[in-house]
């Protein structure tokens, strides 16, 4: 019973705030309190003189350049992960101490990481080729 009363009070509080008190603070449709006859906008900046927010991606950044940057970063990350696995497999092979099971597992890790590097390189080349052929300019970002 106590829980139901608490939920009801919270609901009524939210209804009062969002239907009664909140619209009082919306001045979007009412005239500005600082409006004067010479400045009816009340100090508002005209639309042609809006504040310019600098683009964090650079002045010429478009969706195309952002997509290229994301794809290139994903390829770089995938390449780094594959190289880490290659180094890990080499370390496992060196420390296998003649144990054939550990050596076989290390060889598998090395083989799989090399296959991963080949797949990454091939996919990069295929996507670059397709983008050049359709006229999108490839994956290389011109600076």
C-alpha atoms as a PDB file:
ATOM      1  CA  UNK A   1       0.000   0.000   0.000  1.00  0.00           C
ATOM      2  CA  UNK A   2       2.832   2.380   0.885  1.00  0.00           C
ATOM      3  CA  UNK A   3       4.522   1.679  -2.457  1.00  0.00           C
ATOM      4  CA  UNK A   4       1.332   2.484  -4.388  1.00  0.00           C
ATOM      5  CA  UNK A   5       0.958   5.799  -2.562  1.00  0.00           C
ATOM      6  CA  UNK A   6       4.586   6.719  -3.338  1.00  0.00           C
ATOM      7  CA  UNK A   7       4.104   5.886  -7.016  1.00  0.00           C
ATOM      8  CA  UNK A   8       0.897   7.932  -7.119  1.00  0.00           C
ATOM      9  CA  UNK A   9       2.602  10.925  -5.490  1.00  0.00           C
ATOM     10  CA  UNK A  10       5.519  10.744  -7.906  1.00  0.00           C
ATOM     11  CA  UNK A  11       3.122  10.522 -10.839  1.00  0.00           C
ATOM     12  CA  UNK A  12       1.088  13.502  -9.625  1.00  0.00           C
ATOM     13  CA  UNK A  13       4.273  15.513  -9.058  1.00  0.00           C
ATOM     14  CA  UNK A  14       5.449  14.810 -12.608  1.00  0.00           C
ATOM     15  CA  UNK A  15       2.021  15.680 -14.044  1.00  0.00           C
ATOM     16  CA  UNK A  16       1.994  19.008 -12.189  1.00  0.00           C
ATOM     17  CA  UNK A  17       5.564  19.860 -13.231  1.00  0.00           C
ATOM     18  CA  UNK A  18       5.180  18.960 -16.897  1.00  0.00           C
ATOM     19  CA  UNK A  19       1.682  20.380 -17.404  1.00  0.00           C
ATOM     20  CA  UNK A  20       1.570  23.291 -15.035  1.00  0.00           C
ATOM     21  CA  UNK A  21       4.978  24.661 -14.181  1.00  0.00           C
ATOM     22  CA  UNK A  22       7.142  23.815 -17.173  1.00  0.00           C
ATOM     23  CA  UNK A  23       5.239  25.829 -19.802  1.00  0.00           C
ATOM     24  CA  UNK A  24       5.725  28.960 -17.696  1.00  0.00           C
ATOM     25  CA  UNK A  25       9.432  28.879 -18.491  1.00  0.00           C
ATOM     26  CA  UNK A  26       8.964  28.595 -22.283  1.00  0.00           C
ATOM     27  CA  UNK A  27       9.418  32.012 -23.874  1.00  0.00           C
ATOM     28  CA  UNK A  28       9.636  30.742 -27.439  1.00  0.00           C
ATOM     29  CA  UNK A  29       6.367  32.373 -28.564  1.00  0.00           C
ATOM     30  CA  UNK A  30       6.319  35.407 -26.328  1.00  0.00           C
ATOM     31  CA  UNK A  31       8.185  38.631 -27.092  1.00  0.00           C
ATOM     32  CA  UNK A  32      11.594  39.099 -25.570  1.00  0.00           C
ATOM     33  CA  UNK A  33      11.654  41.135 -22.341  1.00  0.00           C
ATOM     34  CA  UNK A  34      14.640  43.100 -23.694  1.00  0.00           C
ATOM     35  CA  UNK A  35      12.952  44.063 -26.979  1.00  0.00           C
ATOM     36  CA  UNK A  36      13.025  47.754 -27.875  1.00  0.00           C
ATOM     37  CA  UNK A  37      11.432  49.593 -30.817  1.00  0.00           C
ATOM     38  CA  UNK A  38      14.829  49.890 -32.512  1.00  0.00           C
ATOM     39  CA  UNK A  39      15.723  46.219 -31.794  1.00  0.00           C
ATOM     40  CA  UNK A  40      12.518  44.138 -31.893  1.00  0.00           C
ATOM     41  CA  UNK A  41      14.539  40.924 -31.662  1.00  0.00           C
ATOM     42  CA  UNK A  42      15.722  41.844 -28.182  1.00  0.00           C
ATOM     43  CA  UNK A  43      19.413  41.398 -28.891  1.00  0.00           C
ATOM     44  CA  UNK A  44      19.034  38.259 -30.986  1.00  0.00           C
ATOM     45  CA  UNK A  45      21.632  37.687 -33.687  1.00  0.00           C
ATOM     46  CA  UNK A  46      20.227  37.850 -37.247  1.00  0.00           C
ATOM     47  CA  UNK A  47      20.195  34.518 -39.051  1.00  0.00           C
ATOM     48  CA  UNK A  48      22.859  35.551 -41.574  1.00  0.00           C
ATOM     49  CA  UNK A  49      25.283  36.390 -38.765  1.00  0.00           C
ATOM     50  CA  UNK A  50      24.956  33.159 -36.812  1.00  0.00           C
ATOM     51  CA  UNK A  51      27.798  31.959 -34.686  1.00  0.00           C
ATOM     52  CA  UNK A  52      30.000  29.617 -36.662  1.00  0.00           C
ATOM     53  CA  UNK A  53      30.862  26.369 -34.908  1.00  0.00           C
ATOM     54  CA  UNK A  54      34.150  24.998 -36.218  1.00  0.00           C
ATOM     55  CA  UNK A  55      33.989  21.527 -37.707  1.00  0.00           C
ATOM     56  CA  UNK A  56      36.116  19.220 -35.511  1.00  0.00           C
ATOM     57  CA  UNK A  57      36.846  17.028 -38.540  1.00  0.00           C
ATOM     58  CA  UNK A  58      38.274  19.872 -40.623  1.00  0.00           C
ATOM     59  CA  UNK A  59      36.813  22.402 -43.009  1.00  0.00           C
ATOM     60  CA  UNK A  60      36.370  20.058 -45.987  1.00  0.00           C
ATOM     61  CA  UNK A  61      35.026  17.113 -44.000  1.00  0.00           C
ATOM     62  CA  UNK A  62      32.087  15.409 -45.641  1.00  0.00           C
ATOM     63  CA  UNK A  63      30.326  12.125 -44.994  1.00  0.00           C
ATOM     64  CA  UNK A  64      32.597  10.565 -47.612  1.00  0.00           C
ATOM     65  CA  UNK A  65      35.808  11.627 -45.855  1.00  0.00           C
ATOM     66  CA  UNK A  66      34.450  10.612 -42.444  1.00  0.00           C
ATOM     67  CA  UNK A  67      33.493   7.164 -43.782  1.00  0.00           C
ATOM     68  CA  UNK A  68      36.954   6.806 -45.309  1.00  0.00           C
ATOM     69  CA  UNK A  69      38.592   7.728 -42.017  1.00  0.00           C
ATOM     70  CA  UNK A  70      36.465   5.203 -40.103  1.00  0.00           C
ATOM     71  CA  UNK A  71      37.175   2.431 -42.626  1.00  0.00           C
ATOM     72  CA  UNK A  72      40.894   3.177 -42.591  1.00  0.00           C
ATOM     73  CA  UNK A  73      40.918   3.170 -38.789  1.00  0.00           C
ATOM     74  CA  UNK A  74      39.098  -0.183 -38.760  1.00  0.00           C
ATOM     75  CA  UNK A  75      41.659  -1.632 -41.170  1.00  0.00           C
ATOM     76  CA  UNK A  76      44.506  -0.289 -39.081  1.00  0.00           C
ATOM     77  CA  UNK A  77      42.997  -1.787 -35.919  1.00  0.00           C
ATOM     78  CA  UNK A  78      42.436  -5.140 -37.638  1.00  0.00           C
ATOM     79  CA  UNK A  79      46.018  -5.139 -38.897  1.00  0.00           C
ATOM     80  CA  UNK A  80      47.369  -4.347 -35.447  1.00  0.00           C
ATOM     81  CA  UNK A  81      45.331  -7.163 -33.898  1.00  0.00           C
ATOM     82  CA  UNK A  82      46.555  -9.614 -36.554  1.00  0.00           C
ATOM     83  CA  UNK A  83      50.161  -8.561 -35.946  1.00  0.00           C
ATOM     84  CA  UNK A  84      49.720  -8.986 -32.192  1.00  0.00           C
ATOM     85  CA  UNK A  85      48.442 -12.531 -32.784  1.00  0.00           C
ATOM     86  CA  UNK A  86      51.401 -13.195 -35.093  1.00  0.00           C
ATOM     87  CA  UNK A  87      53.808 -12.054 -32.381  1.00  0.00           C
ATOM     88  CA  UNK A  88      51.893 -14.073 -29.778  1.00  0.00           C
ATOM     89  CA  UNK A  89      52.101 -17.187 -31.957  1.00  0.00           C
ATOM     90  CA  UNK A  90      55.832 -16.664 -32.398  1.00  0.00           C
ATOM     91  CA  UNK A  91      56.275 -16.304 -28.656  1.00  0.00           C
ATOM     92  CA  UNK A  92      54.249 -19.464 -28.051  1.00  0.00           C
ATOM     93  CA  UNK A  93      56.366 -21.337 -30.602  1.00  0.00           C
ATOM     94  CA  UNK A  94      59.623 -20.189 -29.019  1.00  0.00           C
ATOM     95  CA  UNK A  95      58.451 -21.095 -25.500  1.00  0.00           C
ATOM     96  CA  UNK A  96      56.933 -24.449 -26.502  1.00  0.00           C
ATOM     97  CA  UNK A  97      60.185 -26.150 -25.361  1.00  0.00           C
ATOM     98  CA  UNK A  98      59.812 -29.038 -27.754  1.00  0.00           C
ATOM     99  CA  UNK A  99      56.276 -29.872 -26.638  1.00  0.00           C
ATOM    100  CA  UNK A 100      54.578 -30.943 -29.898  1.00  0.00           C
ATOM    101  CA  UNK A 101      51.077 -29.921 -28.755  1.00  0.00           C
ATOM    102  CA  UNK A 102      52.141 -26.390 -27.818  1.00  0.00           C
ATOM    103  CA  UNK A 103      54.215 -26.098 -31.013  1.00  0.00           C
ATOM    104  CA  UNK A 104      51.241 -27.179 -33.116  1.00  0.00           C
ATOM    105  CA  UNK A 105      48.999 -24.670 -31.341  1.00  0.00           C
ATOM    106  CA  UNK A 106      51.577 -21.918 -31.925  1.00  0.00           C
ATOM    107  CA  UNK A 107      51.878 -22.845 -35.617  1.00  0.00           C
ATOM    108  CA  UNK A 108      48.085 -22.662 -35.880  1.00  0.00           C
ATOM    109  CA  UNK A 109      48.094 -19.201 -34.307  1.00  0.00           C
ATOM    110  CA  UNK A 110      50.813 -18.024 -36.706  1.00  0.00           C
ATOM    111  CA  UNK A 111      49.022 -19.517 -39.707  1.00  0.00           C
ATOM    112  CA  UNK A 112      45.662 -17.991 -38.714  1.00  0.00           C
ATOM    113  CA  UNK A 113      47.181 -14.558 -38.138  1.00  0.00           C
ATOM    114  CA  UNK A 114      48.857 -14.649 -41.567  1.00  0.00           C
ATOM    115  CA  UNK A 115      45.536 -15.676 -43.138  1.00  0.00           C
ATOM    116  CA  UNK A 116      43.917 -12.758 -41.293  1.00  0.00           C
ATOM    117  CA  UNK A 117      46.505 -10.318 -42.646  1.00  0.00           C
ATOM    118  CA  UNK A 118      45.927 -11.609 -46.181  1.00  0.00           C
ATOM    119  CA  UNK A 119      42.143 -11.253 -45.788  1.00  0.00           C
ATOM    120  CA  UNK A 120      42.549  -7.703 -44.454  1.00  0.00           C
ATOM    121  CA  UNK A 121      44.831  -6.742 -47.340  1.00  0.00           C
ATOM    122  CA  UNK A 122      42.547  -8.316 -49.954  1.00  0.00           C
ATOM    123  CA  UNK A 123      39.424  -6.675 -48.567  1.00  0.00           C
ATOM    124  CA  UNK A 124      41.186  -3.309 -48.504  1.00  0.00           C
ATOM    125  CA  UNK A 125      42.249  -3.719 -52.133  1.00  0.00           C
ATOM    126  CA  UNK A 126      38.780  -4.874 -53.244  1.00  0.00           C
ATOM    127  CA  UNK A 127      37.008  -1.973 -51.517  1.00  0.00           C
ATOM    128  CA  UNK A 128      39.553   0.509 -52.851  1.00  0.00           C
ATOM    129  CA  UNK A 129      39.161  -0.901 -56.381  1.00  0.00           C
ATOM    130  CA  UNK A 130      35.349  -0.740 -56.222  1.00  0.00           C
ATOM    131  CA  UNK A 131      35.339   2.813 -54.870  1.00  0.00           C
ATOM    132  CA  UNK A 132      37.723   3.966 -57.608  1.00  0.00           C
ATOM    133  CA  UNK A 133      35.587   2.290 -60.289  1.00  0.00           C
ATOM    134  CA  UNK A 134      32.340   3.905 -59.105  1.00  0.00           C
ATOM    135  CA  UNK A 135      34.038   7.279 -58.905  1.00  0.00           C
ATOM    136  CA  UNK A 136      34.130   7.726 -55.139  1.00  0.00           C
ATOM    137  CA  UNK A 137      37.910   8.154 -55.114  1.00  0.00           C
ATOM    138  CA  UNK A 138      39.084   5.138 -53.160  1.00  0.00           C
ATOM    139  CA  UNK A 139      40.019   4.824 -49.514  1.00  0.00           C
ATOM    140  CA  UNK A 140      43.072   7.062 -49.496  1.00  0.00           C
ATOM    141  CA  UNK A 141      42.356  10.343 -47.736  1.00  0.00           C
ATOM    142  CA  UNK A 142      43.853  13.288 -49.568  1.00  0.00           C
ATOM    143  CA  UNK A 143      45.206  15.887 -47.175  1.00  0.00           C
END
